[in-house]
Amino acid sequence: MVMAALGNVLARDHLRRYFAGGGVEARLRPVLGMEEWDVHARQNDSTTDRG
């Protein structure tokens, strides 16, 4: 993340523009659509100790 931020500063914000445009999303959406995501929403369990 630090290297990406540094590269973005040195490249005068071009790095962000490369990934923030619709072109990256359009190319990645079909690939990510093939993935099988096994993510479940976490239930709010007040008995779980999170401290």
N, C-alpha and C. Protein backbone atom coordinates (compact mmCIF):
# COMPACT_ATOMS: atom_id res chain seq x y z
N MET A 1 0.82 -1.19 0.00
CA MET A 1 0.00 0.00 0.00
C MET A 1 0.87 1.26 0.00
N VAL A 2 1.92 1.22 0.78
CA VAL A 2 2.81 2.38 0.84
C VAL A 2 3.48 2.60 -0.51
N MET A 3 3.92 1.51 -1.13
CA MET A 3 4.58 1.64 -2.44
C MET A 3 3.59 2.16 -3.49
N ALA A 4 2.35 1.72 -3.41
CA ALA A 4 1.35 2.21 -4.36
C ALA A 4 1.09 3.70 -4.14
N ALA A 5 1.02 4.12 -2.89
CA ALA A 5 0.81 5.54 -2.61
C ALA A 5 2.00 6.36 -3.08
N LEU A 6 3.19 5.88 -2.83
CA LEU A 6 4.39 6.58 -3.27
C LEU A 6 4.44 6.66 -4.80
N GLY A 7 4.14 5.55 -5.45
CA GLY A 7 4.10 5.54 -6.91
C GLY A 7 3.06 6.49 -7.46
N ASN A 8 1.93 6.59 -6.77
CA ASN A 8 0.88 7.51 -7.21
C ASN A 8 1.34 8.96 -7.11
N VAL A 9 2.05 9.28 -6.04
CA VAL A 9 2.57 10.64 -5.87
C VAL A 9 3.60 10.95 -6.95
N LEU A 10 4.51 10.02 -7.16
CA LEU A 10 5.56 10.25 -8.14
C LEU A 10 5.03 10.27 -9.58
N ALA A 11 3.95 9.56 -9.83
CA ALA A 11 3.37 9.50 -11.18
C ALA A 11 2.28 10.55 -11.37
N ARG A 12 2.19 11.48 -10.44
CA ARG A 12 1.20 12.57 -10.51
C ARG A 12 -0.23 12.05 -10.68
N ASP A 13 -0.60 11.10 -9.82
CA ASP A 13 -1.96 10.57 -9.70
C ASP A 13 -2.36 9.63 -10.84
N HIS A 14 -1.41 9.24 -11.68
CA HIS A 14 -1.76 8.35 -12.79
C HIS A 14 -2.10 6.95 -12.32
N LEU A 15 -1.44 6.46 -11.29
CA LEU A 15 -1.69 5.12 -10.80
C LEU A 15 -3.15 4.97 -10.37
N ARG A 16 -3.66 5.94 -9.65
CA ARG A 16 -5.07 5.91 -9.23
C ARG A 16 -5.98 5.92 -10.43
N ARG A 17 -5.66 6.72 -11.41
CA ARG A 17 -6.50 6.80 -12.61
C ARG A 17 -6.54 5.49 -13.38
N TYR A 18 -5.44 4.76 -13.38
CA TYR A 18 -5.41 3.48 -14.08
C TYR A 18 -6.40 2.49 -13.48
N PHE A 19 -6.53 2.50 -12.16
CA PHE A 19 -7.39 1.53 -11.49
C PHE A 19 -8.77 2.06 -11.14
N ALA A 20 -8.96 3.36 -11.16
CA ALA A 20 -10.24 3.94 -10.78
C ALA A 20 -11.20 4.03 -11.97
N GLY A 21 -10.71 3.86 -13.17
CA GLY A 21 -11.56 3.95 -14.34
C GLY A 21 -12.41 2.71 -14.53
N GLY A 22 -13.37 2.78 -15.41
CA GLY A 22 -14.26 1.65 -15.66
C GLY A 22 -13.59 0.52 -16.41
N GLY A 23 -12.44 0.77 -17.04
CA GLY A 23 -11.77 -0.27 -17.80
C GLY A 23 -11.32 -1.44 -16.96
N VAL A 24 -10.78 -1.17 -15.78
CA VAL A 24 -10.31 -2.23 -14.89
C VAL A 24 -11.51 -3.04 -14.40
N GLU A 25 -12.55 -2.36 -14.00
CA GLU A 25 -13.75 -3.07 -13.52
C GLU A 25 -14.33 -3.95 -14.62
N ALA A 26 -14.39 -3.43 -15.84
CA ALA A 26 -14.96 -4.20 -16.95
C ALA A 26 -14.14 -5.45 -17.24
N ARG A 27 -12.85 -5.39 -17.05
CA ARG A 27 -12.00 -6.56 -17.30
C ARG A 27 -12.01 -7.55 -16.14
N LEU A 28 -12.15 -7.05 -14.92
CA LEU A 28 -12.11 -7.94 -13.76
C LEU A 28 -13.45 -8.58 -13.43
N ARG A 29 -14.54 -7.93 -13.77
CA ARG A 29 -15.87 -8.44 -13.42
C ARG A 29 -16.10 -9.87 -13.94
N PRO A 30 -15.78 -10.20 -15.21
CA PRO A 30 -15.99 -11.59 -15.66
C PRO A 30 -15.12 -12.60 -14.90
N VAL A 31 -13.90 -12.21 -14.58
CA VAL A 31 -13.01 -13.10 -13.84
C VAL A 31 -13.53 -13.34 -12.43
N LEU A 32 -13.93 -12.28 -11.76
CA LEU A 32 -14.46 -12.41 -10.41
C LEU A 32 -15.80 -13.14 -10.41
N GLY A 33 -16.54 -13.04 -11.50
CA GLY A 33 -17.81 -13.75 -11.61
C GLY A 33 -17.64 -15.26 -11.65
N MET A 34 -16.49 -15.75 -12.09
CA MET A 34 -16.22 -17.19 -12.12
C MET A 34 -15.86 -17.74 -10.75
N GLU A 35 -15.46 -16.87 -9.85
CA GLU A 35 -15.06 -17.31 -8.51
C GLU A 35 -16.27 -17.77 -7.72
N GLU A 36 -16.03 -18.75 -6.85
CA GLU A 36 -17.06 -19.18 -5.92
C GLU A 36 -16.71 -18.60 -4.55
N TRP A 37 -17.53 -17.70 -4.09
CA TRP A 37 -17.27 -17.00 -2.84
C TRP A 37 -17.99 -17.73 -1.71
N ASP A 38 -17.27 -18.09 -0.69
CA ASP A 38 -17.82 -18.78 0.46
C ASP A 38 -17.75 -17.86 1.68
N VAL A 39 -18.47 -16.77 1.58
CA VAL A 39 -18.46 -15.77 2.63
C VAL A 39 -19.85 -15.71 3.24
N HIS A 40 -19.90 -15.83 4.54
CA HIS A 40 -21.18 -15.81 5.23
C HIS A 40 -21.23 -14.58 6.14
N ALA A 41 -22.39 -13.98 6.23
CA ALA A 41 -22.56 -12.83 7.11
C ALA A 41 -22.42 -13.30 8.56
N ARG A 42 -21.71 -12.52 9.35
CA ARG A 42 -21.53 -12.86 10.75
C ARG A 42 -22.77 -12.45 11.52
N GLN A 43 -23.28 -13.36 12.32
CA GLN A 43 -24.42 -13.07 13.18
C GLN A 43 -23.96 -12.20 14.34
N ASN A 44 -24.78 -11.28 14.77
CA ASN A 44 -24.46 -10.45 15.92
C ASN A 44 -24.72 -11.28 17.16
N ASP A 45 -23.67 -11.80 17.75
CA ASP A 45 -23.77 -12.68 18.92
C ASP A 45 -23.27 -11.92 20.14
N SER A 46 -24.18 -11.51 20.99
CA SER A 46 -23.78 -10.72 22.16
C SER A 46 -23.07 -11.56 23.20
N THR A 47 -23.10 -12.91 23.06
CA THR A 47 -22.43 -13.76 24.05
C THR A 47 -20.96 -13.95 23.72
N THR A 48 -20.54 -13.56 22.53
CA THR A 48 -19.13 -13.72 22.14
C THR A 48 -18.29 -12.64 22.79
N ASP A 49 -17.21 -13.05 23.44
CA ASP A 49 -16.30 -12.10 24.08
C ASP A 49 -15.32 -11.58 23.03
N ARG A 50 -15.37 -10.30 22.74
CA ARG A 50 -14.49 -9.71 21.75
C ARG A 50 -13.47 -8.80 22.39
N GLY A 51 -13.25 -8.91 23.65
CA GLY A 51 -12.34 -7.99 24.32
C GLY A 51 -11.07 -8.59 24.60
